[in-house]
Amino acid sequence: MGNWLHLLGKKRENRGDAEMMQAIARGSEAAFLELTGRYQQRVLNFAFRFLGSREEAEDVVQETFLRLFKGAGRYDARGVLTAFVFRIVRNLCIDRLRKKRPELPDRLPDPPDRQTPHDHLDRKQAMASLSRAVRGLPENQRTAVILRHTEELSYREIADVMGVTTPAVESLLVRGRRTLRNQLGNCLGCWVNRTVTVERVFK
């Protein structure tokens, strides 16, 4: 297939998940472009939140889509593509962490600049603190928190990604939120380019 980045300038089609994956399995570059268009930014966001390194996150994105391309023929049309994609990226992130513990990031990506310089500094500091706290969670809690509050997946979808039950996801989120509240206090702002209180994010 070569480097798939050259496809990004081409026109994208719109088709169902099963049809798209079947087309990719047949070698369709248009279908693969559609897949990257739907998921590339989401995969990058998850990997960056999980790993804390832009460079490593971009490597994970490349490897994720390579695996999706090669494994398209094994996609079960009865399943949910979102869960299939995030299961791959999560496993790749965990593999990287277990091989090498990366440095904690200084900050998350800057949000749109609508604040005063003082507010902007406070926001960046809050983002850095939140990033460190999330990355300090155990792997399963971290996965559940990121998928719920960044990707806004349902409990059922998160359960499919992680291969656990819905009650297990609920338990992971309760424990993860409790840990973050304890570490961050009650008035810390910023999650996914929004300024919010910790109670609103982790309610």
N, C-alpha and C. Protein backbone atom coordinates (compact mmCIF):
# COMPACT_ATOMS: atom_id res chain seq x y z
N MET A 1 0.81 -1.20 0.00
CA MET A 1 0.00 0.00 0.00
C MET A 1 0.85 1.26 0.00
N GLY A 2 2.02 1.20 0.61
CA GLY A 2 2.87 2.38 0.65
C GLY A 2 2.38 3.37 1.69
N ASN A 3 2.92 4.58 1.62
CA ASN A 3 2.54 5.62 2.56
C ASN A 3 1.16 6.15 2.21
N TRP A 4 0.17 5.95 3.11
CA TRP A 4 -1.21 6.32 2.80
C TRP A 4 -1.46 7.82 2.90
N LEU A 5 -0.49 8.60 3.38
CA LEU A 5 -0.73 10.03 3.53
C LEU A 5 -0.95 10.74 2.19
N HIS A 6 -0.47 10.13 1.10
CA HIS A 6 -0.65 10.78 -0.20
C HIS A 6 -2.12 10.77 -0.63
N LEU A 7 -2.97 10.01 0.06
CA LEU A 7 -4.38 9.92 -0.31
C LEU A 7 -5.21 11.07 0.22
N LEU A 8 -4.64 11.87 1.15
CA LEU A 8 -5.46 12.82 1.87
C LEU A 8 -6.05 13.92 1.00
N GLY A 9 -5.48 14.16 -0.16
CA GLY A 9 -6.03 15.20 -1.02
C GLY A 9 -7.15 14.71 -1.93
N LYS A 10 -7.46 13.43 -1.90
CA LYS A 10 -8.46 12.87 -2.80
C LYS A 10 -9.87 13.00 -2.20
N LYS A 11 -10.85 12.92 -3.05
CA LYS A 11 -12.24 13.04 -2.63
C LYS A 11 -12.66 11.81 -1.83
N ARG A 12 -13.38 12.04 -0.73
CA ARG A 12 -13.83 10.95 0.11
C ARG A 12 -15.25 10.55 -0.24
N GLU A 13 -15.54 9.26 -0.12
CA GLU A 13 -16.90 8.77 -0.28
C GLU A 13 -17.52 8.61 1.09
N ASN A 14 -18.78 8.20 1.13
CA ASN A 14 -19.47 8.00 2.39
C ASN A 14 -20.24 6.69 2.31
N ARG A 15 -19.87 5.74 3.15
CA ARG A 15 -20.52 4.43 3.10
C ARG A 15 -20.60 3.87 4.52
N GLY A 16 -21.35 2.77 4.68
CA GLY A 16 -21.48 2.15 5.98
C GLY A 16 -20.19 1.49 6.41
N ASP A 17 -20.08 1.23 7.72
CA ASP A 17 -18.85 0.66 8.26
C ASP A 17 -18.50 -0.68 7.61
N ALA A 18 -19.47 -1.58 7.54
CA ALA A 18 -19.19 -2.91 7.00
C ALA A 18 -18.78 -2.82 5.53
N GLU A 19 -19.50 -2.02 4.76
CA GLU A 19 -19.18 -1.86 3.34
C GLU A 19 -17.79 -1.25 3.17
N MET A 20 -17.48 -0.27 4.01
CA MET A 20 -16.18 0.39 3.93
C MET A 20 -15.05 -0.60 4.22
N MET A 21 -15.19 -1.39 5.28
CA MET A 21 -14.15 -2.34 5.64
C MET A 21 -14.01 -3.45 4.60
N GLN A 22 -15.12 -3.85 3.99
CA GLN A 22 -15.05 -4.85 2.92
C GLN A 22 -14.30 -4.28 1.71
N ALA A 23 -14.56 -3.01 1.41
CA ALA A 23 -13.86 -2.37 0.29
C ALA A 23 -12.37 -2.26 0.58
N ILE A 24 -12.02 -1.93 1.81
CA ILE A 24 -10.60 -1.85 2.19
C ILE A 24 -9.95 -3.21 2.04
N ALA A 25 -10.65 -4.24 2.44
CA ALA A 25 -10.12 -5.60 2.32
C ALA A 25 -9.84 -5.97 0.87
N ARG A 26 -10.58 -5.35 -0.04
CA ARG A 26 -10.37 -5.59 -1.48
C ARG A 26 -9.29 -4.67 -2.04
N GLY A 27 -8.74 -3.80 -1.19
CA GLY A 27 -7.65 -2.93 -1.62
C GLY A 27 -8.07 -1.54 -2.06
N SER A 28 -9.28 -1.12 -1.70
CA SER A 28 -9.78 0.18 -2.15
C SER A 28 -9.09 1.32 -1.40
N GLU A 29 -8.37 2.17 -2.13
CA GLU A 29 -7.74 3.33 -1.51
C GLU A 29 -8.78 4.36 -1.10
N ALA A 30 -9.86 4.49 -1.87
CA ALA A 30 -10.92 5.45 -1.53
C ALA A 30 -11.56 5.09 -0.20
N ALA A 31 -11.81 3.81 0.01
CA ALA A 31 -12.41 3.37 1.28
C ALA A 31 -11.44 3.59 2.44
N PHE A 32 -10.16 3.35 2.19
CA PHE A 32 -9.17 3.57 3.25
C PHE A 32 -9.08 5.05 3.59
N LEU A 33 -9.16 5.91 2.59
CA LEU A 33 -9.16 7.34 2.82
C LEU A 33 -10.36 7.74 3.66
N GLU A 34 -11.50 7.15 3.38
CA GLU A 34 -12.70 7.43 4.16
C GLU A 34 -12.50 7.03 5.63
N LEU A 35 -11.89 5.88 5.83
CA LEU A 35 -11.61 5.42 7.19
C LEU A 35 -10.70 6.40 7.93
N THR A 36 -9.62 6.83 7.29
CA THR A 36 -8.71 7.77 7.94
C THR A 36 -9.40 9.10 8.21
N GLY A 37 -10.26 9.53 7.28
CA GLY A 37 -10.98 10.77 7.49
C GLY A 37 -11.88 10.72 8.71
N ARG A 38 -12.48 9.57 8.94
CA ARG A 38 -13.38 9.42 10.08
C ARG A 38 -12.65 9.32 11.42
N TYR A 39 -11.48 8.68 11.40
CA TYR A 39 -10.87 8.29 12.68
C TYR A 39 -9.48 8.85 12.96
N GLN A 40 -8.82 9.43 11.99
CA GLN A 40 -7.42 9.82 12.20
C GLN A 40 -7.26 10.77 13.39
N GLN A 41 -8.07 11.85 13.43
CA GLN A 41 -7.92 12.81 14.51
C GLN A 41 -8.30 12.21 15.86
N ARG A 42 -9.32 11.36 15.87
CA ARG A 42 -9.75 10.74 17.12
C ARG A 42 -8.68 9.78 17.65
N VAL A 43 -8.07 9.03 16.75
CA VAL A 43 -7.00 8.12 17.15
C VAL A 43 -5.81 8.91 17.69
N LEU A 44 -5.47 10.00 17.01
CA LEU A 44 -4.36 10.84 17.46
C LEU A 44 -4.65 11.43 18.84
N ASN A 45 -5.87 11.93 19.04
CA ASN A 45 -6.24 12.51 20.33
C ASN A 45 -6.11 11.48 21.45
N PHE A 46 -6.63 10.28 21.20
CA PHE A 46 -6.58 9.25 22.24
C PHE A 46 -5.13 8.89 22.55
N ALA A 47 -4.34 8.66 21.51
CA ALA A 47 -2.95 8.25 21.73
C ALA A 47 -2.16 9.33 22.47
N PHE A 48 -2.40 10.59 22.12
CA PHE A 48 -1.69 11.68 22.79
C PHE A 48 -2.09 11.79 24.25
N ARG A 49 -3.41 11.69 24.52
CA ARG A 49 -3.87 11.74 25.91
C ARG A 49 -3.27 10.58 26.71
N PHE A 50 -3.17 9.42 26.07
CA PHE A 50 -2.72 8.22 26.76
C PHE A 50 -1.21 8.22 26.98
N LEU A 51 -0.47 8.66 25.96
CA LEU A 51 0.99 8.56 26.00
C LEU A 51 1.67 9.85 26.43
N GLY A 52 1.06 10.99 26.12
CA GLY A 52 1.66 12.26 26.49
C GLY A 52 2.77 12.73 25.57
N SER A 53 2.98 12.06 24.46
CA SER A 53 4.04 12.42 23.51
C SER A 53 3.44 12.52 22.12
N ARG A 54 3.57 13.69 21.51
CA ARG A 54 3.04 13.89 20.16
C ARG A 54 3.72 12.95 19.16
N GLU A 55 5.03 12.83 19.27
CA GLU A 55 5.77 11.98 18.34
C GLU A 55 5.34 10.52 18.45
N GLU A 56 5.23 10.04 19.68
CA GLU A 56 4.81 8.65 19.86
C GLU A 56 3.36 8.46 19.43
N ALA A 57 2.51 9.46 19.68
CA ALA A 57 1.12 9.37 19.27
C ALA A 57 1.00 9.27 17.75
N GLU A 58 1.80 10.06 17.04
CA GLU A 58 1.76 10.00 15.58
C GLU A 58 2.24 8.64 15.07
N ASP A 59 3.23 8.05 15.74
CA ASP A 59 3.67 6.70 15.37
C ASP A 59 2.55 5.69 15.57
N VAL A 60 1.81 5.86 16.66
CA VAL A 60 0.69 4.96 16.94
C VAL A 60 -0.39 5.11 15.89
N VAL A 61 -0.64 6.34 15.45
CA VAL A 61 -1.64 6.56 14.39
C VAL A 61 -1.25 5.79 13.14
N GLN A 62 0.00 5.91 12.72
CA GLN A 62 0.46 5.20 11.52
C GLN A 62 0.28 3.69 11.67
N GLU A 63 0.69 3.18 12.83
CA GLU A 63 0.61 1.74 13.03
C GLU A 63 -0.83 1.26 13.14
N THR A 64 -1.68 2.09 13.74
CA THR A 64 -3.10 1.73 13.86
C THR A 64 -3.73 1.56 12.49
N PHE A 65 -3.51 2.52 11.59
CA PHE A 65 -4.15 2.43 10.28
C PHE A 65 -3.50 1.36 9.41
N LEU A 66 -2.24 1.10 9.62
CA LEU A 66 -1.61 -0.01 8.92
C LEU A 66 -2.28 -1.33 9.33
N ARG A 67 -2.51 -1.48 10.62
CA ARG A 67 -3.17 -2.70 11.10
C ARG A 67 -4.61 -2.79 10.62
N LEU A 68 -5.29 -1.64 10.58
CA LEU A 68 -6.66 -1.63 10.07
C LEU A 68 -6.70 -2.03 8.61
N PHE A 69 -5.74 -1.55 7.84
CA PHE A 69 -5.69 -1.90 6.42
C PHE A 69 -5.43 -3.39 6.24
N LYS A 70 -4.44 -3.90 6.96
CA LYS A 70 -4.09 -5.32 6.82
C LYS A 70 -5.16 -6.23 7.41
N GLY A 71 -5.85 -5.75 8.45
CA GLY A 71 -6.83 -6.60 9.12
C GLY A 71 -8.26 -6.35 8.73
N ALA A 72 -8.49 -5.57 7.68
CA ALA A 72 -9.86 -5.22 7.30
C ALA A 72 -10.70 -6.46 6.99
N GLY A 73 -10.08 -7.48 6.41
CA GLY A 73 -10.81 -8.69 6.07
C GLY A 73 -11.29 -9.47 7.29
N ARG A 74 -10.69 -9.18 8.45
CA ARG A 74 -11.09 -9.88 9.67
C ARG A 74 -12.13 -9.11 10.48
N TYR A 75 -12.53 -7.94 9.98
CA TYR A 75 -13.53 -7.15 10.70
C TYR A 75 -14.87 -7.85 10.69
N ASP A 76 -15.47 -7.99 11.87
CA ASP A 76 -16.77 -8.63 12.03
C ASP A 76 -17.85 -7.56 11.84
N ALA A 77 -18.63 -7.69 10.77
CA ALA A 77 -19.64 -6.69 10.44
C ALA A 77 -20.71 -6.57 11.52
N ARG A 78 -20.81 -7.57 12.40
CA ARG A 78 -21.79 -7.49 13.48
C ARG A 78 -21.31 -6.59 14.61
N GLY A 79 -20.03 -6.27 14.61
CA GLY A 79 -19.47 -5.44 15.67
C GLY A 79 -19.58 -3.96 15.36
N VAL A 80 -18.99 -3.15 16.24
CA VAL A 80 -19.00 -1.69 16.09
C VAL A 80 -17.60 -1.26 15.68
N LEU A 81 -17.51 -0.54 14.57
CA LEU A 81 -16.20 -0.17 14.04
C LEU A 81 -15.43 0.72 15.02
N THR A 82 -16.13 1.63 15.69
CA THR A 82 -15.45 2.49 16.65
C THR A 82 -14.72 1.67 17.70
N ALA A 83 -15.38 0.64 18.22
CA ALA A 83 -14.75 -0.23 19.22
C ALA A 83 -13.56 -0.97 18.61
N PHE A 84 -13.71 -1.42 17.38
CA PHE A 84 -12.63 -2.13 16.68
C PHE A 84 -11.40 -1.25 16.55
N VAL A 85 -11.61 0.01 16.17
CA VAL A 85 -10.50 0.95 15.99
C VAL A 85 -9.83 1.27 17.32
N PHE A 86 -10.62 1.61 18.31
CA PHE A 86 -10.03 2.01 19.59
C PHE A 86 -9.42 0.84 20.35
N ARG A 87 -9.89 -0.36 20.09
CA ARG A 87 -9.25 -1.53 20.69
C ARG A 87 -7.81 -1.65 20.18
N ILE A 88 -7.63 -1.41 18.89
CA ILE A 88 -6.28 -1.47 18.30
C ILE A 88 -5.38 -0.38 18.86
N VAL A 89 -5.87 0.86 18.86
CA VAL A 89 -5.00 1.97 19.32
C VAL A 89 -4.70 1.84 20.80
N ARG A 90 -5.66 1.39 21.59
CA ARG A 90 -5.41 1.21 23.03
C ARG A 90 -4.32 0.17 23.26
N ASN A 91 -4.41 -0.95 22.56
CA ASN A 91 -3.41 -2.00 22.75
C ASN A 91 -2.02 -1.53 22.32
N LEU A 92 -1.95 -0.76 21.25
CA LEU A 92 -0.66 -0.23 20.81
C LEU A 92 -0.09 0.74 21.84
N CYS A 93 -0.94 1.56 22.43
CA CYS A 93 -0.47 2.51 23.45
C CYS A 93 0.04 1.76 24.68
N ILE A 94 -0.69 0.75 25.11
CA ILE A 94 -0.28 -0.02 26.28
C ILE A 94 1.04 -0.73 26.01
N ASP A 95 1.19 -1.28 24.81
CA ASP A 95 2.45 -1.95 24.45
C ASP A 95 3.62 -0.98 24.55
N ARG A 96 3.41 0.25 24.06
CA ARG A 96 4.49 1.24 24.11
C ARG A 96 4.83 1.61 25.55
N LEU A 97 3.82 1.78 26.37
CA LEU A 97 4.08 2.15 27.76
C LEU A 97 4.84 1.05 28.49
N ARG A 98 4.51 -0.18 28.19
CA ARG A 98 5.15 -1.28 28.89
C ARG A 98 6.59 -1.49 28.43
N LYS A 99 6.89 -1.06 27.21
CA LYS A 99 8.26 -1.16 26.72
C LYS A 99 9.11 0.01 27.18
N LYS A 100 8.47 1.18 27.25
CA LYS A 100 9.22 2.39 27.61
C LYS A 100 8.27 3.40 28.22
N ARG A 101 8.59 3.84 29.42
CA ARG A 101 7.78 4.85 30.08
C ARG A 101 8.19 6.24 29.58
N PRO A 102 7.35 6.93 28.81
CA PRO A 102 7.72 8.25 28.30
C PRO A 102 7.64 9.31 29.38
N GLU A 103 8.26 10.45 29.09
CA GLU A 103 8.22 11.58 30.02
C GLU A 103 6.81 12.16 30.06
N LEU A 104 6.42 12.71 31.21
CA LEU A 104 5.15 13.39 31.31
C LEU A 104 5.18 14.67 30.46
N PRO A 105 4.08 15.00 29.78
CA PRO A 105 4.08 16.19 28.94
C PRO A 105 4.03 17.46 29.78
N ASP A 106 4.59 18.53 29.24
CA ASP A 106 4.49 19.82 29.91
C ASP A 106 3.09 20.39 29.80
N ARG A 107 2.41 20.10 28.69
CA ARG A 107 1.07 20.64 28.49
C ARG A 107 0.36 19.86 27.41
N LEU A 108 -0.96 20.05 27.31
CA LEU A 108 -1.76 19.52 26.23
C LEU A 108 -1.82 20.57 25.12
N PRO A 109 -2.38 20.23 23.93
CA PRO A 109 -2.44 21.21 22.85
C PRO A 109 -3.18 22.47 23.28
N ASP A 110 -2.70 23.62 22.81
CA ASP A 110 -3.31 24.89 23.19
C ASP A 110 -4.71 25.01 22.63
N PRO A 111 -5.68 25.49 23.43
CA PRO A 111 -7.03 25.74 22.94
C PRO A 111 -7.08 27.05 22.16
N PRO A 112 -8.22 27.36 21.48
CA PRO A 112 -8.34 28.65 20.82
C PRO A 112 -8.12 29.78 21.81
N ASP A 113 -7.41 30.82 21.36
CA ASP A 113 -6.98 31.89 22.26
C ASP A 113 -8.10 32.92 22.43
N ARG A 114 -8.97 32.71 23.43
CA ARG A 114 -10.06 33.66 23.70
C ARG A 114 -9.93 34.27 25.09
N GLN A 115 -8.85 33.97 25.80
CA GLN A 115 -8.72 34.44 27.16
C GLN A 115 -7.67 35.54 27.25
N THR A 116 -7.64 36.20 28.41
CA THR A 116 -6.57 37.15 28.70
C THR A 116 -5.29 36.35 28.89
N PRO A 117 -4.11 37.01 28.83
CA PRO A 117 -2.85 36.28 29.07
C PRO A 117 -2.85 35.54 30.39
N HIS A 118 -3.42 36.14 31.44
CA HIS A 118 -3.46 35.47 32.75
C HIS A 118 -4.33 34.22 32.68
N ASP A 119 -5.52 34.35 32.05
CA ASP A 119 -6.41 33.20 31.92
C ASP A 119 -5.76 32.11 31.09
N HIS A 120 -5.05 32.52 30.04
CA HIS A 120 -4.41 31.57 29.15
C HIS A 120 -3.34 30.78 29.90
N LEU A 121 -2.57 31.45 30.75
CA LEU A 121 -1.54 30.77 31.53
C LEU A 121 -2.18 29.80 32.51
N ASP A 122 -3.25 30.25 33.20
CA ASP A 122 -3.94 29.37 34.13
C ASP A 122 -4.49 28.15 33.43
N ARG A 123 -5.01 28.36 32.23
CA ARG A 123 -5.60 27.27 31.47
C ARG A 123 -4.53 26.25 31.08
N LYS A 124 -3.38 26.72 30.63
CA LYS A 124 -2.31 25.81 30.24
C LYS A 124 -1.79 25.03 31.45
N GLN A 125 -1.69 25.71 32.58
CA GLN A 125 -1.25 25.02 33.79
C GLN A 125 -2.26 23.96 34.21
N ALA A 126 -3.54 24.30 34.08
CA ALA A 126 -4.58 23.34 34.43
C ALA A 126 -4.54 22.14 33.51
N MET A 127 -4.33 22.38 32.22
CA MET A 127 -4.27 21.29 31.25
C MET A 127 -3.10 20.36 31.55
N ALA A 128 -1.96 20.96 31.91
CA ALA A 128 -0.78 20.15 32.22
C ALA A 128 -1.03 19.30 33.46
N SER A 129 -1.66 19.89 34.47
CA SER A 129 -1.96 19.14 35.69
C SER A 129 -2.93 18.01 35.42
N LEU A 130 -3.95 18.29 34.60
CA LEU A 130 -4.93 17.26 34.27
C LEU A 130 -4.30 16.13 33.46
N SER A 131 -3.44 16.51 32.52
CA SER A 131 -2.76 15.49 31.71
C SER A 131 -1.93 14.57 32.58
N ARG A 132 -1.16 15.15 33.49
CA ARG A 132 -0.33 14.32 34.38
C ARG A 132 -1.19 13.41 35.25
N ALA A 133 -2.30 13.97 35.75
CA ALA A 133 -3.16 13.18 36.63
C ALA A 133 -3.80 12.02 35.88
N VAL A 134 -4.28 12.28 34.66
CA VAL A 134 -4.90 11.22 33.87
C VAL A 134 -3.88 10.14 33.53
N ARG A 135 -2.67 10.56 33.15
CA ARG A 135 -1.65 9.59 32.79
C ARG A 135 -1.13 8.82 34.00
N GLY A 136 -1.42 9.33 35.20
CA GLY A 136 -1.04 8.61 36.40
C GLY A 136 -2.03 7.54 36.81
N LEU A 137 -3.20 7.52 36.16
CA LEU A 137 -4.19 6.50 36.48
C LEU A 137 -3.73 5.13 35.97
N PRO A 138 -4.19 4.05 36.61
CA PRO A 138 -3.94 2.71 36.06
C PRO A 138 -4.47 2.62 34.63
N GLU A 139 -3.89 1.74 33.82
CA GLU A 139 -4.20 1.69 32.38
C GLU A 139 -5.69 1.58 32.09
N ASN A 140 -6.40 0.71 32.81
CA ASN A 140 -7.82 0.52 32.52
C ASN A 140 -8.65 1.75 32.89
N GLN A 141 -8.34 2.36 34.03
CA GLN A 141 -9.05 3.58 34.40
C GLN A 141 -8.76 4.70 33.41
N ARG A 142 -7.51 4.81 33.01
CA ARG A 142 -7.11 5.84 32.05
C ARG A 142 -7.87 5.66 30.74
N THR A 143 -7.93 4.43 30.25
CA THR A 143 -8.65 4.15 29.01
C THR A 143 -10.11 4.57 29.13
N ALA A 144 -10.76 4.16 30.21
CA ALA A 144 -12.18 4.46 30.39
C ALA A 144 -12.42 5.97 30.46
N VAL A 145 -11.58 6.68 31.20
CA VAL A 145 -11.76 8.12 31.35
C VAL A 145 -11.56 8.84 30.03
N ILE A 146 -10.53 8.49 29.29
CA ILE A 146 -10.27 9.15 28.00
C ILE A 146 -11.39 8.87 27.01
N LEU A 147 -11.80 7.61 26.90
CA LEU A 147 -12.84 7.26 25.94
C LEU A 147 -14.18 7.91 26.29
N ARG A 148 -14.43 8.04 27.59
CA ARG A 148 -15.70 8.64 28.00
C ARG A 148 -15.69 10.16 27.84
N HIS A 149 -14.63 10.82 28.29
CA HIS A 149 -14.65 12.28 28.38
C HIS A 149 -13.97 12.98 27.21
N THR A 150 -13.17 12.27 26.43
CA THR A 150 -12.62 12.86 25.22
C THR A 150 -13.42 12.42 24.00
N GLU A 151 -13.61 11.11 23.88
CA GLU A 151 -14.29 10.57 22.70
C GLU A 151 -15.81 10.47 22.88
N GLU A 152 -16.28 10.64 24.11
CA GLU A 152 -17.71 10.63 24.42
C GLU A 152 -18.38 9.32 23.99
N LEU A 153 -17.64 8.22 24.16
CA LEU A 153 -18.23 6.91 23.88
C LEU A 153 -19.19 6.53 24.99
N SER A 154 -20.18 5.71 24.65
CA SER A 154 -21.11 5.21 25.65
C SER A 154 -20.43 4.15 26.51
N TYR A 155 -21.04 3.80 27.64
CA TYR A 155 -20.48 2.76 28.49
C TYR A 155 -20.38 1.44 27.72
N ARG A 156 -21.39 1.16 26.91
CA ARG A 156 -21.39 -0.08 26.14
C ARG A 156 -20.26 -0.10 25.13
N GLU A 157 -20.01 1.02 24.46
CA GLU A 157 -18.93 1.09 23.50
C GLU A 157 -17.57 0.94 24.18
N ILE A 158 -17.42 1.58 25.34
CA ILE A 158 -16.16 1.46 26.08
C ILE A 158 -15.95 0.01 26.50
N ALA A 159 -17.02 -0.65 26.93
CA ALA A 159 -16.92 -2.05 27.32
C ALA A 159 -16.47 -2.91 26.15
N ASP A 160 -16.97 -2.60 24.94
CA ASP A 160 -16.56 -3.35 23.75
C ASP A 160 -15.08 -3.13 23.44
N VAL A 161 -14.63 -1.89 23.58
CA VAL A 161 -13.21 -1.58 23.34
C VAL A 161 -12.32 -2.36 24.29
N MET A 162 -12.71 -2.40 25.56
CA MET A 162 -11.86 -2.94 26.60
C MET A 162 -12.07 -4.43 26.84
N GLY A 163 -13.14 -4.98 26.27
CA GLY A 163 -13.41 -6.39 26.48
C GLY A 163 -13.86 -6.70 27.90
N VAL A 164 -14.63 -5.76 28.50
CA VAL A 164 -15.15 -5.96 29.85
C VAL A 164 -16.65 -5.71 29.84
N THR A 165 -17.29 -5.85 31.00
CA THR A 165 -18.72 -5.61 31.11
C THR A 165 -19.00 -4.13 31.33
N THR A 166 -20.23 -3.73 31.08
CA THR A 166 -20.63 -2.35 31.33
C THR A 166 -20.49 -1.97 32.81
N PRO A 167 -20.91 -2.84 33.76
CA PRO A 167 -20.68 -2.50 35.17
C PRO A 167 -19.19 -2.31 35.49
N ALA A 168 -18.32 -3.06 34.83
CA ALA A 168 -16.88 -2.89 35.06
C ALA A 168 -16.43 -1.52 34.59
N VAL A 169 -16.96 -1.04 33.47
CA VAL A 169 -16.64 0.30 32.98
C VAL A 169 -17.11 1.35 33.98
N GLU A 170 -18.33 1.19 34.48
CA GLU A 170 -18.86 2.13 35.46
C GLU A 170 -17.96 2.20 36.69
N SER A 171 -17.49 1.04 37.14
CA SER A 171 -16.61 0.99 38.30
C SER A 171 -15.28 1.68 38.02
N LEU A 172 -14.71 1.45 36.82
CA LEU A 172 -13.45 2.08 36.44
C LEU A 172 -13.59 3.60 36.41
N LEU A 173 -14.71 4.09 35.89
CA LEU A 173 -14.93 5.53 35.81
C LEU A 173 -15.11 6.14 37.20
N VAL A 174 -15.84 5.45 38.06
CA VAL A 174 -16.02 5.95 39.43
C VAL A 174 -14.68 6.09 40.13
N ARG A 175 -13.84 5.05 40.02
CA ARG A 175 -12.54 5.08 40.68
C ARG A 175 -11.61 6.11 40.04
N GLY A 176 -11.63 6.19 38.71
CA GLY A 176 -10.79 7.16 38.03
C GLY A 176 -11.17 8.59 38.37
N ARG A 177 -12.47 8.89 38.35
CA ARG A 177 -12.93 10.24 38.68
C ARG A 177 -12.60 10.60 40.13
N ARG A 178 -12.77 9.64 41.02
CA ARG A 178 -12.47 9.91 42.43
C ARG A 178 -11.00 10.27 42.61
N THR A 179 -10.13 9.51 41.95
CA THR A 179 -8.70 9.79 42.04
C THR A 179 -8.39 11.17 41.49
N LEU A 180 -8.97 11.53 40.35
CA LEU A 180 -8.70 12.83 39.74
C LEU A 180 -9.24 13.96 40.61
N ARG A 181 -10.42 13.79 41.18
CA ARG A 181 -10.95 14.83 42.08
C ARG A 181 -10.04 15.03 43.28
N ASN A 182 -9.57 13.92 43.82
CA ASN A 182 -8.69 14.02 44.99
C ASN A 182 -7.38 14.73 44.66
N GLN A 183 -6.87 14.49 43.45
CA GLN A 183 -5.59 15.07 43.06
C GLN A 183 -5.72 16.52 42.60
N LEU A 184 -6.82 16.84 41.94
CA LEU A 184 -6.93 18.13 41.27
C LEU A 184 -7.74 19.16 42.04
N GLY A 185 -8.50 18.75 43.03
CA GLY A 185 -9.33 19.69 43.76
C GLY A 185 -10.62 19.96 43.02
N ASN A 186 -11.28 21.04 43.37
CA ASN A 186 -12.64 21.29 42.89
C ASN A 186 -12.77 22.36 41.82
N CYS A 187 -11.69 23.05 41.47
CA CYS A 187 -11.82 24.18 40.54
C CYS A 187 -10.75 24.16 39.46
N LEU A 188 -10.49 23.02 38.88
CA LEU A 188 -9.48 22.95 37.83
C LEU A 188 -10.18 22.91 36.49
N GLY A 189 -9.66 23.63 35.50
CA GLY A 189 -10.37 23.71 34.24
C GLY A 189 -9.66 23.10 33.07
N CYS A 190 -10.25 22.44 32.19
CA CYS A 190 -9.85 22.19 30.81
C CYS A 190 -9.77 20.73 30.45
N TRP A 191 -10.59 20.37 29.53
CA TRP A 191 -10.60 19.01 29.01
C TRP A 191 -11.08 19.08 27.59
N VAL A 192 -10.28 18.64 26.68
CA VAL A 192 -10.64 18.63 25.27
C VAL A 192 -11.07 20.00 24.77
N ASN A 193 -10.19 21.01 24.99
CA ASN A 193 -10.40 22.36 24.48
C ASN A 193 -11.66 23.03 25.03
N ARG A 194 -12.06 22.66 26.26
CA ARG A 194 -13.17 23.34 26.92
C ARG A 194 -12.73 23.70 28.33
N THR A 195 -13.12 24.88 28.82
CA THR A 195 -12.83 25.24 30.20
C THR A 195 -14.02 24.87 31.05
N VAL A 196 -13.80 24.01 32.03
CA VAL A 196 -14.88 23.47 32.86
C VAL A 196 -14.37 23.25 34.26
N THR A 197 -15.28 23.03 35.19
CA THR A 197 -14.86 22.65 36.53
C THR A 197 -14.68 21.16 36.58
N VAL A 198 -13.90 20.71 37.55
CA VAL A 198 -13.63 19.29 37.67
C VAL A 198 -14.90 18.51 37.97
N GLU A 199 -15.86 19.12 38.72
CA GLU A 199 -17.09 18.40 38.99
C GLU A 199 -17.90 18.16 37.72
N ARG A 200 -17.86 19.14 36.79
CA ARG A 200 -18.62 18.96 35.56
C ARG A 200 -17.99 17.91 34.68
N VAL A 201 -16.67 17.88 34.60
CA VAL A 201 -16.00 16.90 33.75
C VAL A 201 -16.14 15.50 34.33
N PHE A 202 -15.92 15.37 35.63
CA PHE A 202 -15.87 14.05 36.24
C PHE A 202 -17.06 13.84 37.18
N LYS A 203 -18.23 14.26 36.76
CA LYS A 203 -19.41 14.10 37.60
C LYS A 203 -19.87 12.65 37.62
